[in-house]
């Protein structure tokens, strides 16, 4: 069974090459897609264009590095620029634009990360670094400042660091740092896209820093399941008798006759109805021990089944499927390439039909009402580098309900998420609304983590706008409303719980008083049985009646 599971698992990661170099990707059924966007890497589509230029000049970092306001902490080497075409500030602005748009494609609010070097999130830092490495290529080995140099692509290690720290996953083999893709354009020409240089930085053949240590694979769950199944199968209670140790309590006692135990005695019950078998302290017959062992084995089997089912549920719930896959999960186009291109999605089309990246870059040629889709305003990037014409770099700062670089994505409501969390959080309704169905299912199954998860999410969702599956929720919940509603709900629930507890206590006390009265009445009737005559007679105490009966030996007559 283990060999079969291993074969099935391994087959999910094989890239088949058939025909004329055509790739066939397989679907990994034990993963959940994460940041599977197109293009998958920052500035990926600009690499071919940047490499096609042959007029790069090596620039001295110590002289020109001070002009970098965004990439200054990344670029610590002599770099190449197209002298007379692109200056340091313009290249710095291109890196900022790539950084902002790629975070937008990932569903992250880029205005929260205007200083990525200060961020505690390694994913943000690696998007920043890869953007800067792309627009500030390292000079070739042996080229001094002022000399001509070729464009050196970023190193494979820089790409791998981004994939690792951001947890990029498309549930197939398409997330590769080395690749060559060819795409047919509408005019009939072919566009070839290549990945990164197959070297680990720092290297004289590519741009980038050293590669960091690898992280644990997300497939540890399926490996743990296989190991657990192997351990259980080796210690199964249904092992053959010849493999059971001689003194093992699991040994089969049903096929041999047990000798009568010598550790029991018989005592009369006292009512003439038989005897009671009494065992010596700490000793039990083998049959009883076998029965207890069987019960324990049944309980262990049930527990193992529950754990296995839970692990399998977690594994299967992480499944990722492709809409262009066949029944076996194989497909010829990588899943990230099947996604819509976020650069085209966020492009601004001017009145002449031209596609422009960042509508705020057209500061004088269009009306402000056309910028940011009419749902925001242009705002200067913090410490913005100057771009062509001495203008500063600006981006759209969207209205409260909108997000993305051009303010075209509707945010989810924090107020609605809070209401769902407050009243239906134990069913995971808030997480389903925020676009997290897997976590919402786990919360619903556990009834809000037995109340703890429910309370945590009420505070988490209500105190500040949280991230949905795409951008943060809209900050439409006033803080005073959150405080007032949460405190009021807590008091109401507290009063209800106290009231229910008080009612239970009062009922218990009334029941105790009733039982006490019944016991007193029963004791009274037991001491004074009713008179046998049909004629009512005055009350006579039991002691007096006993004296009369004892003296006369018969009933009393008038």
Protein backbone atom coordinates (compact mmCIF):
# COMPACT_ATOMS: atom_id res chain seq x y z
CA UNK A 1 0.00 0.00 0.00
CA UNK A 2 2.84 2.36 0.87
CA UNK A 3 4.49 1.69 -2.49
CA UNK A 4 1.22 2.48 -4.25
CA UNK A 5 0.81 5.76 -2.34
CA UNK A 6 4.40 6.70 -3.10
CA UNK A 7 3.92 5.94 -6.78
CA UNK A 8 0.71 7.98 -6.95
CA UNK A 9 2.37 10.89 -5.16
CA UNK A 10 5.48 10.83 -7.32
CA UNK A 11 3.45 10.70 -10.50
CA UNK A 12 1.91 14.06 -9.64
CA UNK A 13 5.27 15.80 -10.01
CA UNK A 14 6.47 14.39 -13.31
CA UNK A 15 6.66 16.69 -16.31
CA UNK A 16 6.16 14.66 -19.42
CA UNK A 17 7.84 15.79 -22.63
CA UNK A 18 6.21 14.38 -25.72
CA UNK A 19 6.20 15.18 -29.38
CA UNK A 20 8.29 18.10 -30.53
CA UNK A 21 9.43 19.30 -27.12
CA UNK A 22 5.88 19.95 -25.96
CA UNK A 23 5.51 20.06 -22.19
CA UNK A 24 2.67 18.37 -20.36
CA UNK A 25 2.15 19.48 -16.78
CA UNK A 26 0.52 17.30 -14.16
CA UNK A 27 -1.76 18.46 -11.38
CA UNK A 28 -0.64 18.22 -7.78
CA UNK A 29 -3.75 17.09 -5.91
CA UNK A 30 -2.41 17.94 -2.44
CA UNK A 31 -1.84 21.67 -2.65
CA UNK A 32 -3.68 24.97 -2.54
CA UNK A 33 -2.80 27.72 -5.06
CA UNK A 34 -1.10 30.79 -3.65
CA UNK A 35 -0.05 33.95 -5.54
CA UNK A 36 -0.50 32.08 -8.82
CA UNK A 37 -0.67 35.21 -10.97
CA UNK A 38 0.42 36.20 -14.47
CA UNK A 39 3.23 37.20 -14.76
CA UNK A 40 4.36 34.99 -11.92
CA UNK A 41 7.54 37.02 -11.18
CA UNK A 42 8.05 40.80 -10.88
CA UNK A 43 9.09 42.47 -14.15
CA UNK A 44 9.20 39.12 -15.94
CA UNK A 45 7.82 40.54 -19.18
CA UNK A 46 10.42 43.34 -19.18
CA UNK A 47 13.43 40.99 -19.11
CA UNK A 48 13.48 40.32 -22.86
CA UNK A 49 13.08 44.00 -23.68
CA UNK A 50 15.82 45.05 -21.28
CA UNK A 51 18.16 42.36 -22.57
CA UNK A 52 17.57 43.36 -26.19
CA UNK A 53 19.28 46.72 -25.67
CA UNK A 54 23.03 46.69 -26.24
CA UNK A 55 23.95 50.19 -25.09
CA UNK A 56 24.44 49.65 -21.37
CA UNK A 57 27.17 51.59 -19.63
CA UNK A 58 28.68 50.50 -16.32
CA UNK A 59 27.96 53.03 -13.57
CA UNK A 60 29.97 53.48 -10.39
CA UNK A 61 27.81 52.63 -7.36
CA UNK A 62 29.68 54.93 -5.00
CA UNK A 63 29.03 57.89 -7.31
CA UNK A 64 25.47 57.26 -8.45
CA UNK A 65 24.08 55.14 -5.63
CA UNK A 66 22.93 58.19 -3.66
CA UNK A 67 20.32 58.93 -6.38
CA UNK A 68 18.50 55.68 -5.57
CA UNK A 69 15.72 56.35 -3.09
CA UNK A 70 14.01 53.00 -3.48
CA UNK A 71 16.73 50.52 -4.45
CA UNK A 72 19.60 52.07 -2.52
CA UNK A 73 19.63 49.34 0.13
CA UNK A 74 19.61 46.56 -2.48
CA UNK A 75 22.04 47.74 -5.13
CA UNK A 76 25.52 47.67 -3.58
CA UNK A 77 27.44 46.92 -6.77
CA UNK A 78 28.42 48.67 -10.00
CA UNK A 79 25.39 48.51 -12.28
CA UNK A 80 24.61 49.03 -15.94
CA UNK A 81 22.29 51.69 -17.38
CA UNK A 82 21.46 52.90 -20.86
CA UNK A 83 23.48 56.09 -20.72
CA UNK A 84 21.69 59.07 -22.20
CA UNK A 85 18.40 57.15 -22.32
CA UNK A 86 17.61 56.18 -18.75
CA UNK A 87 19.03 57.88 -15.68
CA UNK A 88 19.28 56.45 -12.17
CA UNK A 89 16.10 58.13 -10.93
CA UNK A 90 14.08 56.85 -13.89
CA UNK A 91 15.31 53.29 -13.37
CA UNK A 92 14.49 53.65 -9.69
CA UNK A 93 10.98 54.77 -10.65
CA UNK A 94 10.56 51.73 -12.92
CA UNK A 95 11.46 49.49 -9.99
CA UNK A 96 8.89 51.26 -7.80
CA UNK A 97 6.19 50.82 -10.46
CA UNK A 98 6.98 47.13 -10.87
CA UNK A 99 6.95 46.65 -7.10
CA UNK A 100 3.58 48.40 -6.68
CA UNK A 101 1.89 46.63 -9.59
CA UNK A 102 3.15 43.20 -8.62
CA UNK A 103 1.86 43.64 -5.06
CA UNK A 104 -1.44 44.72 -6.60
CA UNK A 105 -1.49 41.54 -8.67
CA UNK A 106 -0.89 39.53 -5.49
CA UNK A 107 -3.85 41.25 -3.82
CA UNK A 108 -1.72 43.25 -1.38
CA UNK A 109 -2.21 46.96 -0.70
CA UNK A 110 1.07 48.48 -1.84
CA UNK A 111 0.48 51.76 0.01
CA UNK A 112 1.12 49.84 3.23
CA UNK A 113 4.66 49.02 2.06
CA UNK A 114 6.17 52.25 0.85
CA UNK A 115 9.35 51.34 2.78
CA UNK A 116 9.81 47.64 2.05
CA UNK A 117 13.24 47.57 3.65
CA UNK A 118 11.50 48.17 6.98
CA UNK A 119 8.91 45.43 6.46
CA UNK A 120 8.81 42.39 8.72
CA UNK A 121 7.38 40.32 5.85
CA UNK A 122 10.12 38.55 3.90
CA UNK A 123 7.81 38.18 0.92
CA UNK A 124 7.54 41.96 0.55
CA UNK A 125 11.32 42.28 0.79
CA UNK A 126 11.94 39.73 -1.95
CA UNK A 127 9.46 41.38 -4.32
CA UNK A 128 11.37 44.60 -3.71
CA UNK A 129 14.78 43.00 -4.27
CA UNK A 130 13.79 41.17 -7.45
CA UNK A 131 12.31 44.37 -8.86
CA UNK A 132 15.51 46.29 -8.17
CA UNK A 133 17.77 43.52 -9.55
CA UNK A 134 15.81 43.64 -12.80
CA UNK A 135 16.30 47.36 -13.50
CA UNK A 136 19.81 47.65 -12.04
CA UNK A 137 21.78 44.80 -13.68
CA UNK A 138 25.27 44.08 -12.48
CA UNK A 139 28.21 45.02 -14.69
CA UNK A 140 30.01 42.19 -16.43
CA UNK A 141 33.15 40.85 -14.83
CA UNK A 142 36.20 42.92 -15.74
CA UNK A 143 34.20 45.96 -16.90
CA UNK A 144 35.13 49.17 -15.13
CA UNK A 145 32.80 52.14 -14.62
CA UNK A 146 32.32 53.98 -17.87
CA UNK A 147 32.81 50.85 -20.00
CA UNK A 148 30.23 49.08 -22.12
CA UNK A 149 28.49 46.08 -20.56
CA UNK A 150 25.76 43.62 -21.43
CA UNK A 151 22.52 43.16 -19.52
CA UNK A 152 22.82 40.44 -16.86
CA UNK A 153 19.52 38.90 -15.81
CA UNK A 154 18.81 38.23 -12.12
CA UNK A 155 20.13 34.97 -10.70
CA UNK A 156 18.01 31.88 -10.28
CA UNK A 157 18.55 32.11 -6.51
CA UNK A 158 16.82 35.49 -6.34
CA UNK A 159 13.80 34.01 -8.08
CA UNK A 160 13.82 30.98 -5.80
CA UNK A 161 13.98 33.20 -2.73
CA UNK A 162 10.85 34.99 -3.92
CA UNK A 163 9.02 31.70 -4.54
CA UNK A 164 10.08 30.31 -1.19
CA UNK A 165 9.34 33.29 1.06
CA UNK A 166 6.06 34.19 -0.64
CA UNK A 167 4.89 30.60 -0.80
CA UNK A 168 4.09 30.81 -4.51
CA UNK A 169 2.19 27.69 -5.57
CA UNK A 170 0.24 26.89 -8.74
CA UNK A 171 -0.28 23.17 -8.08
CA UNK A 172 1.74 22.08 -11.09
CA UNK A 173 5.34 22.25 -12.30
CA UNK A 174 5.00 25.61 -14.04
CA UNK A 175 6.50 27.65 -11.19
CA UNK A 176 10.07 27.34 -12.43
CA UNK A 177 12.83 29.94 -12.44
CA UNK A 178 14.35 28.49 -15.61
CA UNK A 179 12.02 28.19 -18.59
CA UNK A 180 11.45 29.26 -22.17
CA UNK A 181 7.92 29.99 -23.36
CA UNK A 182 6.80 30.97 -26.84
CA UNK A 183 3.54 32.85 -27.36
CA UNK A 184 1.85 33.67 -30.66
CA UNK A 185 0.84 37.32 -31.01
CA UNK A 186 -2.24 38.53 -32.93
CA UNK A 187 -0.03 39.82 -35.78
CA UNK A 188 1.39 36.32 -36.29
CA UNK A 189 4.76 36.94 -34.69
CA UNK A 190 6.13 34.87 -31.85
CA UNK A 191 7.06 36.26 -28.45
CA UNK A 192 9.62 34.26 -26.52
CA UNK A 193 9.80 34.62 -22.75
CA UNK A 194 12.76 33.28 -20.82
CA UNK A 195 13.38 32.88 -17.12
CA UNK A 196 16.43 33.62 -15.02
CA UNK A 197 20.10 32.68 -15.26
CA UNK A 198 20.90 29.25 -13.88
CA UNK A 199 23.35 30.46 -11.27
CA UNK A 200 23.16 31.07 -7.53
CA UNK A 201 24.15 34.56 -6.51
CA UNK A 202 26.41 36.26 -5.99
CA UNK A 203 27.81 35.37 -9.39
CA UNK A 204 29.63 37.18 -12.16
CA UNK A 205 27.11 35.76 -14.65
CA UNK A 206 23.93 37.18 -13.12
CA UNK A 207 22.54 39.84 -10.80
CA UNK A 208 21.53 38.95 -7.25
CA UNK A 209 22.58 38.11 -3.72
CA UNK A 210 23.28 34.79 -2.03
CA UNK A 211 20.62 32.14 -1.82
CA UNK A 212 19.07 31.52 1.56
CA UNK A 213 18.45 28.16 3.18
CA UNK A 214 15.44 26.17 2.05
CA UNK A 215 12.23 25.82 3.99
CA UNK A 216 10.15 22.80 4.82
CA UNK A 217 8.10 21.42 1.97
CA UNK A 218 4.35 21.95 2.22
CA UNK A 219 3.95 18.25 1.42
CA UNK A 220 4.96 17.27 4.95
CA UNK A 221 1.30 16.52 5.68
CA UNK A 222 1.04 13.66 3.18
CA UNK A 223 4.43 12.33 4.30
CA UNK A 224 3.27 12.37 7.93
CA UNK A 225 0.13 10.49 6.89
CA UNK A 226 2.14 7.79 5.12
CA UNK A 227 4.50 7.39 8.07
CA UNK A 228 1.57 7.18 10.46
CA UNK A 229 -0.15 4.54 8.35
CA UNK A 230 3.08 2.55 8.19
CA UNK A 231 3.49 2.69 11.96
CA UNK A 232 -0.08 1.60 12.55
CA UNK A 233 0.08 -1.24 10.04
CA UNK A 234 3.23 -2.60 11.69
CA UNK A 235 1.56 -2.54 15.12
CA UNK A 236 -1.91 -3.70 14.08
CA UNK A 237 -3.85 -5.70 16.68
CA UNK A 238 -4.82 -8.17 13.98
CA UNK A 239 -1.32 -9.59 13.55
CA UNK A 240 -1.05 -13.36 12.94
CA UNK A 241 -0.73 -15.50 16.06
CA UNK A 242 2.70 -16.78 15.13
CA UNK A 243 4.02 -13.19 15.11
CA UNK A 244 2.70 -12.45 18.59
CA UNK A 245 5.03 -12.77 21.51
CA UNK A 246 4.49 -15.56 23.94
CA UNK A 247 3.45 -13.39 26.87
CA UNK A 248 1.73 -10.71 24.80
CA UNK A 249 -1.72 -9.90 26.27
CA UNK A 250 -3.01 -9.67 22.69
CA UNK A 251 -2.47 -13.41 22.25
CA UNK A 252 -5.56 -15.35 21.19
CA UNK A 253 -7.16 -17.09 24.18
CA UNK A 254 -10.18 -18.43 22.35
CA UNK A 255 -8.48 -21.49 20.84
CA UNK A 256 -7.14 -23.03 24.02
CA UNK A 257 -8.75 -23.98 27.30
CA UNK A 258 -7.67 -21.90 30.25
CA UNK A 259 -6.91 -23.72 33.54
CA UNK A 260 -9.15 -22.75 36.42
CA UNK A 261 -7.68 -19.74 38.17
CA UNK A 262 -6.35 -20.28 41.67
CA UNK A 263 -6.66 -16.69 42.79
CA UNK A 264 -10.38 -16.58 43.58
CA UNK A 265 -12.56 -17.54 46.55
CA UNK A 266 -16.28 -18.04 47.00
CA UNK A 267 -18.24 -16.17 49.63
CA UNK A 268 -21.92 -16.63 50.46
CA UNK A 269 -24.16 -13.73 49.54
CA UNK A 270 -25.96 -13.86 52.89
CA UNK A 271 -29.47 -14.32 51.49
CA UNK A 272 -29.18 -17.92 50.45
CA UNK A 273 -29.27 -16.97 46.80
CA UNK A 274 -25.76 -18.11 45.79
CA UNK A 275 -22.18 -17.11 46.15
CA UNK A 276 -20.07 -14.14 45.08
CA UNK A 277 -16.75 -14.75 43.28
CA UNK A 278 -14.02 -12.59 44.73
CA UNK A 279 -10.58 -12.26 43.07
CA UNK A 280 -7.45 -11.47 44.91
CA UNK A 281 -6.46 -7.83 44.75
CA UNK A 282 -4.64 -6.89 41.54
CA UNK A 283 -5.33 -10.22 39.81
CA UNK A 284 -7.74 -10.98 36.99
CA UNK A 285 -8.29 -14.08 34.90
CA UNK A 286 -6.79 -14.14 31.42
CA UNK A 287 -10.20 -14.04 29.73
CA UNK A 288 -11.08 -10.81 31.51
CA UNK A 289 -7.73 -9.31 30.56
CA UNK A 290 -8.30 -10.36 26.97
CA UNK A 291 -11.72 -8.72 27.00
CA UNK A 292 -10.28 -5.45 28.30
CA UNK A 293 -7.52 -5.61 25.71
CA UNK A 294 -10.08 -6.13 22.96
CA UNK A 295 -12.03 -3.10 24.13
CA UNK A 296 -8.86 -1.03 24.22
CA UNK A 297 -7.94 -2.26 20.73
CA UNK A 298 -11.36 -1.27 19.41
CA UNK A 299 -11.03 2.20 20.92
CA UNK A 300 -7.53 2.54 19.44
CA UNK A 301 -8.81 1.50 16.00
CA UNK A 302 -11.60 4.08 16.19
CA UNK A 303 -9.10 6.78 17.21
CA UNK A 304 -6.76 5.83 14.38
CA UNK A 305 -9.60 5.94 11.90
CA UNK A 306 -10.64 9.40 13.09
CA UNK A 307 -7.07 10.74 12.83
CA UNK A 308 -6.58 9.18 9.38
CA UNK A 309 -9.88 10.62 8.15
CA UNK A 310 -8.93 14.05 9.48
CA UNK A 311 -5.53 13.97 7.75
CA UNK A 312 -7.06 12.77 4.49
CA UNK A 313 -9.67 15.52 4.70
CA UNK A 314 -6.95 18.14 5.14
CA UNK A 315 -4.96 16.68 2.25
CA UNK A 316 -7.90 16.48 -0.13
CA UNK A 317 -9.16 19.93 0.82
CA UNK A 318 -5.90 21.42 -0.48
CA UNK A 319 -6.57 20.15 -3.96
CA UNK A 320 -5.99 22.49 -6.86
CA UNK A 321 -7.61 21.85 -10.24
CA UNK A 322 -7.13 23.31 -13.67
CA UNK A 323 -10.03 24.34 -15.87
CA UNK A 324 -8.03 23.28 -18.94
CA UNK A 325 -6.91 19.92 -17.56
CA UNK A 326 -8.12 16.59 -18.80
CA UNK A 327 -9.55 13.89 -16.56
CA UNK A 328 -6.06 12.86 -15.43
CA UNK A 329 -5.12 16.43 -14.44
CA UNK A 330 -2.58 16.88 -17.25
CA UNK A 331 -2.38 20.16 -19.15
CA UNK A 332 -0.05 21.73 -21.69
CA UNK A 333 -0.13 25.34 -20.42
CA UNK A 334 1.16 26.18 -16.98
CA UNK A 335 -1.53 27.32 -14.60
CA UNK A 336 0.00 30.72 -13.96
CA UNK A 337 0.00 31.36 -17.71
CA UNK A 338 -3.71 30.51 -17.78
CA UNK A 339 -4.44 33.40 -15.42
CA UNK A 340 -5.36 36.82 -16.83
CA UNK A 341 -2.39 39.16 -17.13
CA UNK A 342 -2.68 41.65 -14.29
CA UNK A 343 -0.58 44.20 -16.22
CA UNK A 344 -3.21 44.27 -18.97
CA UNK A 345 -5.96 44.32 -16.37
CA UNK A 346 -4.49 47.38 -14.64
CA UNK A 347 -3.44 49.22 -17.78
CA UNK A 348 -5.05 52.57 -18.51
CA UNK A 349 -6.35 53.13 -22.05
CA UNK A 350 -6.21 56.78 -23.02
CA UNK A 351 -8.45 58.57 -25.47
CA UNK A 352 -6.20 57.59 -28.38
CA UNK A 353 -6.47 53.88 -27.53
CA UNK A 354 -2.95 53.60 -26.18
CA UNK A 355 -2.34 51.37 -23.19
CA UNK A 356 -0.46 53.18 -20.43
CA UNK A 357 0.76 51.68 -17.19
CA UNK A 358 -0.23 53.94 -14.30
CA UNK A 359 -2.78 56.59 -15.21
CA UNK A 360 -1.14 58.97 -12.73
CA UNK A 361 1.89 59.16 -15.01
CA UNK A 362 -0.29 61.23 -17.38
CA UNK A 363 -0.40 64.16 -15.01
CA UNK A 364 -1.17 66.87 -17.57
CA UNK A 365 -2.57 65.12 -20.63
CA UNK A 366 -5.84 63.80 -19.14
CA UNK A 367 -8.46 65.13 -16.77
CA UNK A 368 -8.09 64.12 -13.10
CA UNK A 369 -11.58 62.61 -13.20
CA UNK A 370 -10.33 59.99 -15.67
CA UNK A 371 -7.39 58.97 -13.53
CA UNK A 372 -7.76 56.08 -11.09
CA UNK A 373 -11.06 55.09 -12.78
CA UNK A 374 -12.69 58.08 -11.09
CA UNK A 375 -12.53 56.29 -7.71
CA UNK A 376 -9.40 57.81 -6.25
CA UNK A 377 -6.76 60.49 -6.53
CA UNK A 378 -3.12 60.51 -7.52
CA UNK A 379 -0.71 60.70 -4.60
CA UNK A 380 3.04 61.10 -4.60
CA UNK A 381 5.02 58.04 -3.60
CA UNK A 382 6.93 58.52 -0.39
CA UNK A 383 10.39 59.91 -1.23
CA UNK A 384 9.37 59.54 -4.86
CA UNK A 385 12.19 59.61 -7.41
CA UNK A 386 11.89 62.10 -10.25
CA UNK A 387 10.92 60.70 -13.62
CA UNK A 388 10.99 62.13 -17.13
CA UNK A 389 10.45 65.87 -17.29
CA UNK A 390 11.23 66.38 -13.61
CA UNK A 391 7.85 65.06 -12.55
CA UNK A 392 7.52 63.06 -9.35
CA UNK A 393 6.25 59.49 -9.30
CA UNK A 394 2.61 59.19 -8.30
CA UNK A 395 0.15 56.32 -7.87
CA UNK A 396 -3.56 56.01 -7.31
CA UNK A 397 -4.79 56.18 -3.75
CA UNK A 398 -8.26 54.70 -4.02
CA UNK A 399 -11.44 55.56 -2.19
CA UNK A 400 -12.40 53.48 0.84
CA UNK A 401 -14.37 50.82 -1.04
CA UNK A 402 -11.91 50.30 -3.91
CA UNK A 403 -8.46 48.77 -4.38
CA UNK A 404 -5.72 47.81 -6.92
CA UNK A 405 -3.39 50.16 -8.84
CA UNK A 406 -6.27 51.62 -10.90
CA UNK A 407 -9.07 51.38 -8.28
CA UNK A 408 -11.11 48.78 -10.17
CA UNK A 409 -11.46 46.06 -7.52
CA UNK A 410 -14.34 46.30 -5.05
CA UNK A 411 -13.28 45.63 -1.48
CA UNK A 412 -15.29 43.43 0.87
CA UNK A 413 -17.03 45.15 3.75
CA UNK A 414 -15.48 45.06 7.21
CA UNK A 415 -18.86 45.86 8.79
CA UNK A 416 -20.55 42.90 7.12
CA UNK A 417 -17.66 40.60 7.97
CA UNK A 418 -17.90 41.74 11.61
CA UNK A 419 -21.66 41.15 11.80
CA UNK A 420 -21.21 37.67 10.34
CA UNK A 421 -18.39 36.98 12.79
CA UNK A 422 -20.43 38.24 15.75
CA UNK A 423 -23.63 36.31 15.12
CA UNK A 424 -22.63 33.42 12.86
CA UNK A 425 -18.91 33.15 13.53
CA UNK A 426 -19.27 29.74 15.15
CA UNK A 427 -20.36 28.49 11.70
CA UNK A 428 -17.41 30.15 9.93
CA UNK A 429 -19.67 32.55 8.01
CA UNK A 430 -17.16 35.41 8.30
CA UNK A 431 -14.34 33.36 6.77
CA UNK A 432 -16.56 32.13 3.95
CA UNK A 433 -17.44 35.75 3.17
CA UNK A 434 -13.78 36.78 3.23
CA UNK A 435 -12.95 34.10 0.67
CA UNK A 436 -11.32 31.48 2.92
CA UNK A 437 -13.58 28.41 2.49
CA UNK A 438 -11.07 25.85 3.79
CA UNK A 439 -10.43 27.66 7.07
CA UNK A 440 -14.13 28.48 7.33
CA UNK A 441 -14.99 24.78 7.04
CA UNK A 442 -12.55 23.92 9.83
CA UNK A 443 -14.07 26.64 11.99
CA UNK A 444 -17.60 25.41 11.31
CA UNK A 445 -16.75 21.78 12.07
CA UNK A 446 -15.22 22.76 15.42
CA UNK A 447 -18.12 25.16 16.17
CA UNK A 448 -15.83 28.14 16.29
CA UNK A 449 -12.98 26.29 17.96
CA UNK A 450 -15.33 25.52 20.88
CA UNK A 451 -15.91 29.24 21.26
CA UNK A 452 -12.27 30.35 21.47
CA UNK A 453 -11.74 30.82 17.72
CA UNK A 454 -15.10 32.57 17.53
CA UNK A 455 -14.12 35.17 20.15
CA UNK A 456 -10.67 35.71 18.60
CA UNK A 457 -12.14 36.36 15.15
CA UNK A 458 -14.73 38.78 16.55
CA UNK A 459 -11.90 40.91 17.95
CA UNK A 460 -9.65 40.41 14.92
CA UNK A 461 -12.26 41.31 12.30
CA UNK A 462 -13.84 44.16 14.25
CA UNK A 463 -10.75 45.93 15.56
CA UNK A 464 -9.11 46.59 12.17
CA UNK A 465 -9.71 45.85 8.48
CA UNK A 466 -8.37 42.36 7.77
CA UNK A 467 -7.18 40.85 4.52
CA UNK A 468 -9.74 39.00 2.45
CA UNK A 469 -8.64 36.69 -0.34
CA UNK A 470 -7.93 39.83 -2.38
CA UNK A 471 -6.92 43.08 -0.64
CA UNK A 472 -8.06 44.32 2.76
CA UNK A 473 -11.66 44.87 3.67
CA UNK A 474 -13.08 48.37 3.41
CA UNK A 475 -12.75 50.32 6.67
CA UNK A 476 -16.50 50.97 6.95
CA UNK A 477 -16.89 49.92 10.59
CA UNK A 478 -16.40 52.80 13.08
CA UNK A 479 -14.29 51.83 16.06
CA UNK A 480 -16.89 53.05 18.52
CA UNK A 481 -19.47 50.79 16.88
CA UNK A 482 -17.17 47.79 17.29
CA UNK A 483 -16.46 48.58 20.94
CA UNK A 484 -20.10 49.31 21.79
CA UNK A 485 -21.51 46.27 20.02
CA UNK A 486 -18.88 43.84 21.29
CA UNK A 487 -19.18 45.04 24.91
CA UNK A 488 -22.99 45.06 24.74
CA UNK A 489 -23.05 41.58 23.25
CA UNK A 490 -20.69 40.37 25.94
CA UNK A 491 -22.90 41.82 28.69
CA UNK A 492 -26.05 40.37 27.14
CA UNK A 493 -24.51 36.93 26.80
CA UNK A 494 -23.20 37.24 30.37
CA UNK A 495 -26.66 38.12 31.72
CA UNK A 496 -28.20 35.23 29.77
CA UNK A 497 -25.63 32.78 31.11
CA UNK A 498 -26.04 34.08 34.67
CA UNK A 499 -29.82 33.96 34.34
CA UNK A 500 -29.76 30.39 33.05
CA UNK A 501 -27.37 29.39 35.81
CA UNK A 502 -29.59 31.08 38.44
CA UNK A 503 -32.71 29.35 37.16
CA UNK A 504 -30.96 26.00 37.23
CA UNK A 505 -29.81 26.67 40.78
CA UNK A 506 -33.32 27.71 41.87
CA UNK A 507 -34.83 24.61 40.29
CA UNK A 508 -32.25 22.45 42.00
CA UNK A 509 -32.97 24.07 45.38
CA UNK A 510 -36.71 23.67 44.92
CA UNK A 511 -36.22 20.05 43.97
CA UNK A 512 -34.08 19.50 47.07
CA UNK A 513 -36.72 21.16 49.26
CA UNK A 514 -39.47 19.07 47.70
CA UNK A 515 -37.48 15.87 48.16
CA UNK A 516 -36.73 16.82 51.77
CA UNK A 517 -40.42 17.44 52.45
CA UNK A 518 -41.30 14.15 50.79
CA UNK A 519 -38.76 12.30 52.90
CA UNK A 520 -40.15 13.90 56.09
CA UNK A 521 -43.67 12.98 55.11
CA UNK A 522 -42.65 9.45 54.22
CA UNK A 523 -40.88 9.08 57.56
CA UNK A 524 -43.97 10.41 59.34
CA UNK A 525 -46.26 7.93 57.61
CA UNK A 526 -43.85 5.10 58.31
CA UNK A 527 -44.00 5.98 62.04
CA UNK A 528 -47.80 6.49 62.12
CA UNK A 529 -49.60 4.05 59.81
CA UNK A 530 -53.29 4.81 59.14
CA UNK A 531 -56.05 3.29 61.40
CA UNK A 532 -57.64 0.17 59.93
CA UNK A 533 -61.21 1.05 60.95
CA UNK A 534 -63.49 2.86 58.56
CA UNK A 535 -64.70 5.05 61.39
CA UNK A 536 -62.62 8.11 61.97
CA UNK A 537 -60.85 8.00 65.32
CA UNK A 538 -58.79 10.52 67.14
CA UNK A 539 -55.06 10.37 66.71
CA UNK A 540 -53.39 7.79 68.94
CA UNK A 541 -49.68 7.60 69.19
CA UNK A 542 -47.88 4.43 68.29
CA UNK A 543 -46.43 4.03 71.77
CA UNK A 544 -49.88 4.33 73.43
CA UNK A 545 -51.43 1.92 70.93
CA UNK A 546 -48.63 -0.51 71.59
CA UNK A 547 -49.25 -0.36 75.33
CA UNK A 548 -52.95 -0.99 74.89
CA UNK A 549 -52.42 -3.77 72.43
CA UNK A 550 -49.76 -5.32 74.62
CA UNK A 551 -51.94 -5.14 77.75
CA UNK A 552 -55.19 -6.41 76.37
CA UNK A 553 -53.86 -8.56 73.64
CA UNK A 554 -56.71 -7.49 71.40
CA UNK A 555 -58.39 -4.52 69.84
CA UNK A 556 -59.60 -1.62 71.94
CA UNK A 557 -63.41 -1.28 72.45
CA UNK A 558 -65.41 1.66 73.58
